[in-house]
């Protein structure tokens, strides 16, 4: 790739799992917590099922695909995602390599967990590997990447370098 050309934009397609036509250009991931009704595993064999990235059963039942609860569902689901980076990090890794497709079973194509997940992943990707929630969490656990805040050296009695 030349220096003059910007890198291609990451592509995340959203597709309803029913009546799906497999795309060869992207890896597919089923992102629902429950297996889609009426489908055999062989019908979705090309997709990887990541049930752990789906909203919690409590959140899914509370939302019940009620559009009036959509803003709050988005907020709560993003909080769940932030608390479980290990569930979405395989998606982010795959997205860094090639376009991906998120599969979902919901009838509503605009108000479902795949929509929130897509936006969340794109935001994580824009932050870069050093700024993702996953990276910050790992740093805070190890304590190795913590840098002192400006002025903290002076408060502890040490002199800061010029």
C-alpha atoms as a PDB file:
ATOM      1  CA  UNK A   1       0.000   0.000   0.000  1.00  0.00           C
ATOM      2  CA  UNK A   2       1.384   3.404  -0.911  1.00  0.00           C
ATOM      3  CA  UNK A   3       1.912   6.206   1.557  1.00  0.00           C
ATOM      4  CA  UNK A   4      -0.328   8.516  -0.476  1.00  0.00           C
ATOM      5  CA  UNK A   5      -3.398   6.346  -0.122  1.00  0.00           C
ATOM      6  CA  UNK A   6      -5.212   6.192   3.237  1.00  0.00           C
ATOM      7  CA  UNK A   7      -5.902   2.732   4.666  1.00  0.00           C
ATOM      8  CA  UNK A   8      -9.284   1.254   3.739  1.00  0.00           C
ATOM      9  CA  UNK A   9     -12.127   1.997   6.110  1.00  0.00           C
ATOM     10  CA  UNK A  10     -13.127  -0.930   8.293  1.00  0.00           C
ATOM     11  CA  UNK A  11     -16.362  -2.464   7.189  1.00  0.00           C
ATOM     12  CA  UNK A  12     -18.904  -4.029   9.486  1.00  0.00           C
ATOM     13  CA  UNK A  13     -21.956  -5.344   7.696  1.00  0.00           C
ATOM     14  CA  UNK A  14     -25.126  -6.146   9.616  1.00  0.00           C
ATOM     15  CA  UNK A  15     -27.255  -8.958   8.328  1.00  0.00           C
ATOM     16  CA  UNK A  16     -30.276 -10.823   9.561  1.00  0.00           C
ATOM     17  CA  UNK A  17     -29.391 -14.495   9.922  1.00  0.00           C
ATOM     18  CA  UNK A  18     -32.629 -15.704   8.320  1.00  0.00           C
ATOM     19  CA  UNK A  19     -32.421 -15.931   4.546  1.00  0.00           C
ATOM     20  CA  UNK A  20     -28.765 -15.000   4.634  1.00  0.00           C
ATOM     21  CA  UNK A  21     -26.586 -15.291   1.561  1.00  0.00           C
ATOM     22  CA  UNK A  22     -23.003 -16.004   2.678  1.00  0.00           C
ATOM     23  CA  UNK A  23     -20.484 -13.337   1.723  1.00  0.00           C
ATOM     24  CA  UNK A  24     -17.038 -14.483   0.788  1.00  0.00           C
ATOM     25  CA  UNK A  25     -15.457 -11.090   1.444  1.00  0.00           C
ATOM     26  CA  UNK A  26     -16.083 -11.041   5.183  1.00  0.00           C
ATOM     27  CA  UNK A  27     -16.047 -13.314   8.192  1.00  0.00           C
ATOM     28  CA  UNK A  28     -19.456 -13.728   9.786  1.00  0.00           C
ATOM     29  CA  UNK A  29     -20.215 -13.736  13.510  1.00  0.00           C
ATOM     30  CA  UNK A  30     -23.556 -14.571  15.088  1.00  0.00           C
ATOM     31  CA  UNK A  31     -23.852 -12.120  18.005  1.00  0.00           C
ATOM     32  CA  UNK A  32     -27.077 -13.266  19.673  1.00  0.00           C
ATOM     33  CA  UNK A  33     -27.177 -14.978  23.033  1.00  0.00           C
ATOM     34  CA  UNK A  34     -29.809 -17.461  21.907  1.00  0.00           C
ATOM     35  CA  UNK A  35     -29.583 -19.671  18.864  1.00  0.00           C
ATOM     36  CA  UNK A  36     -32.002 -18.442  16.153  1.00  0.00           C
ATOM     37  CA  UNK A  37     -35.271 -20.364  16.115  1.00  0.00           C
ATOM     38  CA  UNK A  38     -35.775 -22.816  13.317  1.00  0.00           C
ATOM     39  CA  UNK A  39     -32.192 -22.788  12.065  1.00  0.00           C
ATOM     40  CA  UNK A  40     -29.891 -25.771  12.099  1.00  0.00           C
ATOM     41  CA  UNK A  41     -26.281 -25.209  12.976  1.00  0.00           C
ATOM     42  CA  UNK A  42     -25.360 -26.477   9.524  1.00  0.00           C
ATOM     43  CA  UNK A  43     -27.290 -23.567   7.987  1.00  0.00           C
ATOM     44  CA  UNK A  44     -25.026 -21.095   9.752  1.00  0.00           C
ATOM     45  CA  UNK A  45     -21.899 -23.252   9.687  1.00  0.00           C
ATOM     46  CA  UNK A  46     -19.759 -20.560   8.063  1.00  0.00           C
ATOM     47  CA  UNK A  47     -20.397 -18.183  10.975  1.00  0.00           C
ATOM     48  CA  UNK A  48     -18.734 -18.134  14.374  1.00  0.00           C
ATOM     49  CA  UNK A  49     -21.217 -17.922  17.243  1.00  0.00           C
ATOM     50  CA  UNK A  50     -20.108 -15.435  19.906  1.00  0.00           C
ATOM     51  CA  UNK A  51     -22.949 -15.716  22.406  1.00  0.00           C
ATOM     52  CA  UNK A  52     -20.844 -14.091  25.143  1.00  0.00           C
ATOM     53  CA  UNK A  53     -20.871 -10.742  23.286  1.00  0.00           C
ATOM     54  CA  UNK A  54     -24.684 -10.595  23.371  1.00  0.00           C
ATOM     55  CA  UNK A  55     -26.559  -8.534  25.960  1.00  0.00           C
ATOM     56  CA  UNK A  56     -27.145 -10.261  29.278  1.00  0.00           C
ATOM     57  CA  UNK A  57     -30.377 -12.248  29.541  1.00  0.00           C
ATOM     58  CA  UNK A  58     -31.694  -9.672  32.012  1.00  0.00           C
ATOM     59  CA  UNK A  59     -31.053  -6.779  29.621  1.00  0.00           C
ATOM     60  CA  UNK A  60     -32.431  -8.681  26.630  1.00  0.00           C
ATOM     61  CA  UNK A  61     -35.650  -9.510  28.493  1.00  0.00           C
ATOM     62  CA  UNK A  62     -36.002  -5.956  29.827  1.00  0.00           C
ATOM     63  CA  UNK A  63     -35.570  -4.445  26.343  1.00  0.00           C
ATOM     64  CA  UNK A  64     -38.043  -6.866  24.713  1.00  0.00           C
ATOM     65  CA  UNK A  65     -37.483  -4.956  21.424  1.00  0.00           C
ATOM     66  CA  UNK A  66     -39.536  -2.016  22.672  1.00  0.00           C
ATOM     67  CA  UNK A  67     -38.438   0.982  20.651  1.00  0.00           C
ATOM     68  CA  UNK A  68     -39.281   3.349  23.526  1.00  0.00           C
ATOM     69  CA  UNK A  69     -36.529   1.606  25.552  1.00  0.00           C
ATOM     70  CA  UNK A  70     -33.935   1.821  22.750  1.00  0.00           C
ATOM     71  CA  UNK A  71     -31.839   4.756  24.105  1.00  0.00           C
ATOM     72  CA  UNK A  72     -31.583   3.165  27.547  1.00  0.00           C
ATOM     73  CA  UNK A  73     -30.886  -0.270  26.031  1.00  0.00           C
ATOM     74  CA  UNK A  74     -27.977   1.208  24.073  1.00  0.00           C
ATOM     75  CA  UNK A  75     -26.531   2.812  27.193  1.00  0.00           C
ATOM     76  CA  UNK A  76     -26.853  -0.342  29.300  1.00  0.00           C
ATOM     77  CA  UNK A  77     -25.488  -2.620  26.597  1.00  0.00           C
ATOM     78  CA  UNK A  78     -22.434  -0.385  26.074  1.00  0.00           C
ATOM     79  CA  UNK A  79     -21.800  -0.588  29.823  1.00  0.00           C
ATOM     80  CA  UNK A  80     -21.965  -4.379  29.612  1.00  0.00           C
ATOM     81  CA  UNK A  81     -19.574  -4.380  26.674  1.00  0.00           C
ATOM     82  CA  UNK A  82     -17.105  -2.153  28.506  1.00  0.00           C
ATOM     83  CA  UNK A  83     -17.129  -4.550  31.438  1.00  0.00           C
ATOM     84  CA  UNK A  84     -16.470  -7.606  29.216  1.00  0.00           C
ATOM     85  CA  UNK A  85     -13.732  -6.705  26.693  1.00  0.00           C
ATOM     86  CA  UNK A  86     -12.775 -10.354  26.330  1.00  0.00           C
ATOM     87  CA  UNK A  87     -16.157 -10.959  24.673  1.00  0.00           C
ATOM     88  CA  UNK A  88     -15.652  -8.461  21.828  1.00  0.00           C
ATOM     89  CA  UNK A  89     -11.871  -8.459  21.411  1.00  0.00           C
ATOM     90  CA  UNK A  90     -12.011 -11.356  18.852  1.00  0.00           C
ATOM     91  CA  UNK A  91     -14.326  -9.207  16.733  1.00  0.00           C
ATOM     92  CA  UNK A  92     -11.978  -6.250  16.929  1.00  0.00           C
ATOM     93  CA  UNK A  93      -9.015  -8.446  15.977  1.00  0.00           C
ATOM     94  CA  UNK A  94     -10.900  -9.856  12.979  1.00  0.00           C
ATOM     95  CA  UNK A  95     -11.993  -6.353  11.952  1.00  0.00           C
ATOM     96  CA  UNK A  96      -8.405  -5.131  11.935  1.00  0.00           C
ATOM     97  CA  UNK A  97      -7.628  -7.820   9.341  1.00  0.00           C
ATOM     98  CA  UNK A  98     -10.678  -7.695   7.060  1.00  0.00           C
ATOM     99  CA  UNK A  99     -14.354  -6.691   6.853  1.00  0.00           C
ATOM    100  CA  UNK A 100     -16.727  -8.632   9.087  1.00  0.00           C
ATOM    101  CA  UNK A 101     -20.458  -9.336   9.167  1.00  0.00           C
ATOM    102  CA  UNK A 102     -22.488  -9.330  12.384  1.00  0.00           C
ATOM    103  CA  UNK A 103     -25.462 -11.681  12.195  1.00  0.00           C
ATOM    104  CA  UNK A 104     -28.560 -11.241  14.326  1.00  0.00           C
ATOM    105  CA  UNK A 105     -32.043 -12.765  14.457  1.00  0.00           C
ATOM    106  CA  UNK A 106     -34.189  -9.778  15.451  1.00  0.00           C
ATOM    107  CA  UNK A 107     -36.871  -8.619  13.017  1.00  0.00           C
ATOM    108  CA  UNK A 108     -36.154  -4.967  13.695  1.00  0.00           C
ATOM    109  CA  UNK A 109     -33.129  -4.070  11.608  1.00  0.00           C
ATOM    110  CA  UNK A 110     -32.587  -0.682  13.283  1.00  0.00           C
ATOM    111  CA  UNK A 111     -33.095  -1.486  16.967  1.00  0.00           C
ATOM    112  CA  UNK A 112     -31.069  -4.566  17.915  1.00  0.00           C
ATOM    113  CA  UNK A 113     -27.873  -5.481  19.714  1.00  0.00           C
ATOM    114  CA  UNK A 114     -25.855  -5.838  16.479  1.00  0.00           C
ATOM    115  CA  UNK A 115     -26.396  -2.135  15.727  1.00  0.00           C
ATOM    116  CA  UNK A 116     -25.034  -1.131  19.143  1.00  0.00           C
ATOM    117  CA  UNK A 117     -22.176  -3.608  18.872  1.00  0.00           C
ATOM    118  CA  UNK A 118     -21.160  -2.330  15.421  1.00  0.00           C
ATOM    119  CA  UNK A 119     -21.018   1.269  16.647  1.00  0.00           C
ATOM    120  CA  UNK A 120     -19.126   0.212  19.765  1.00  0.00           C
ATOM    121  CA  UNK A 121     -16.535  -1.738  17.741  1.00  0.00           C
ATOM    122  CA  UNK A 122     -16.001   1.125  15.316  1.00  0.00           C
ATOM    123  CA  UNK A 123     -15.440   3.493  18.228  1.00  0.00           C
ATOM    124  CA  UNK A 124     -12.928   1.075  19.776  1.00  0.00           C
ATOM    125  CA  UNK A 125     -11.148   0.744  16.448  1.00  0.00           C
ATOM    126  CA  UNK A 126     -10.836   4.534  16.078  1.00  0.00           C
ATOM    127  CA  UNK A 127      -9.243   4.732  19.514  1.00  0.00           C
ATOM    128  CA  UNK A 128      -6.435   2.442  18.380  1.00  0.00           C
ATOM    129  CA  UNK A 129      -5.000  -0.566  20.171  1.00  0.00           C
ATOM    130  CA  UNK A 130      -3.422   1.479  22.947  1.00  0.00           C
ATOM    131  CA  UNK A 131      -6.692   3.249  23.810  1.00  0.00           C
ATOM    132  CA  UNK A 132      -9.237   0.449  23.756  1.00  0.00           C
ATOM    133  CA  UNK A 133     -11.140  -0.400  26.907  1.00  0.00           C
ATOM    134  CA  UNK A 134      -9.381  -3.772  26.891  1.00  0.00           C
ATOM    135  CA  UNK A 135      -5.915  -2.213  26.838  1.00  0.00           C
ATOM    136  CA  UNK A 136      -6.732   0.310  29.568  1.00  0.00           C
ATOM    137  CA  UNK A 137      -8.174  -2.426  31.776  1.00  0.00           C
ATOM    138  CA  UNK A 138      -5.094  -4.615  31.330  1.00  0.00           C
ATOM    139  CA  UNK A 139      -2.846  -1.668  32.169  1.00  0.00           C
ATOM    140  CA  UNK A 140      -4.750  -0.819  35.325  1.00  0.00           C
ATOM    141  CA  UNK A 141      -4.561  -4.430  36.531  1.00  0.00           C
ATOM    142  CA  UNK A 142      -0.817  -4.693  36.000  1.00  0.00           C
ATOM    143  CA  UNK A 143      -0.018  -1.182  37.170  1.00  0.00           C
ATOM    144  CA  UNK A 144       2.878  -1.109  34.716  1.00  0.00           C
ATOM    145  CA  UNK A 145       1.540   1.493  32.334  1.00  0.00           C
ATOM    146  CA  UNK A 146       0.282   3.931  34.888  1.00  0.00           C
ATOM    147  CA  UNK A 147       1.929   7.293  34.507  1.00  0.00           C
ATOM    148  CA  UNK A 148       1.877   9.917  37.218  1.00  0.00           C
ATOM    149  CA  UNK A 149      -0.346  12.890  36.669  1.00  0.00           C
ATOM    150  CA  UNK A 150       1.214  16.251  36.022  1.00  0.00           C
ATOM    151  CA  UNK A 151       2.389  17.764  39.250  1.00  0.00           C
ATOM    152  CA  UNK A 152       2.191  14.543  41.259  1.00  0.00           C
ATOM    153  CA  UNK A 153       5.987  14.340  41.569  1.00  0.00           C
ATOM    154  CA  UNK A 154       6.093  17.774  43.191  1.00  0.00           C
ATOM    155  CA  UNK A 155       3.356  16.884  45.643  1.00  0.00           C
ATOM    156  CA  UNK A 156       5.335  13.873  46.824  1.00  0.00           C
ATOM    157  CA  UNK A 157       8.416  16.007  47.455  1.00  0.00           C
ATOM    158  CA  UNK A 158      10.385  15.035  44.324  1.00  0.00           C
ATOM    159  CA  UNK A 159      11.594  17.517  41.804  1.00  0.00           C
ATOM    160  CA  UNK A 160      10.290  17.188  38.273  1.00  0.00           C
ATOM    161  CA  UNK A 161      12.740  17.166  35.374  1.00  0.00           C
ATOM    162  CA  UNK A 162      12.849  20.308  33.184  1.00  0.00           C
END
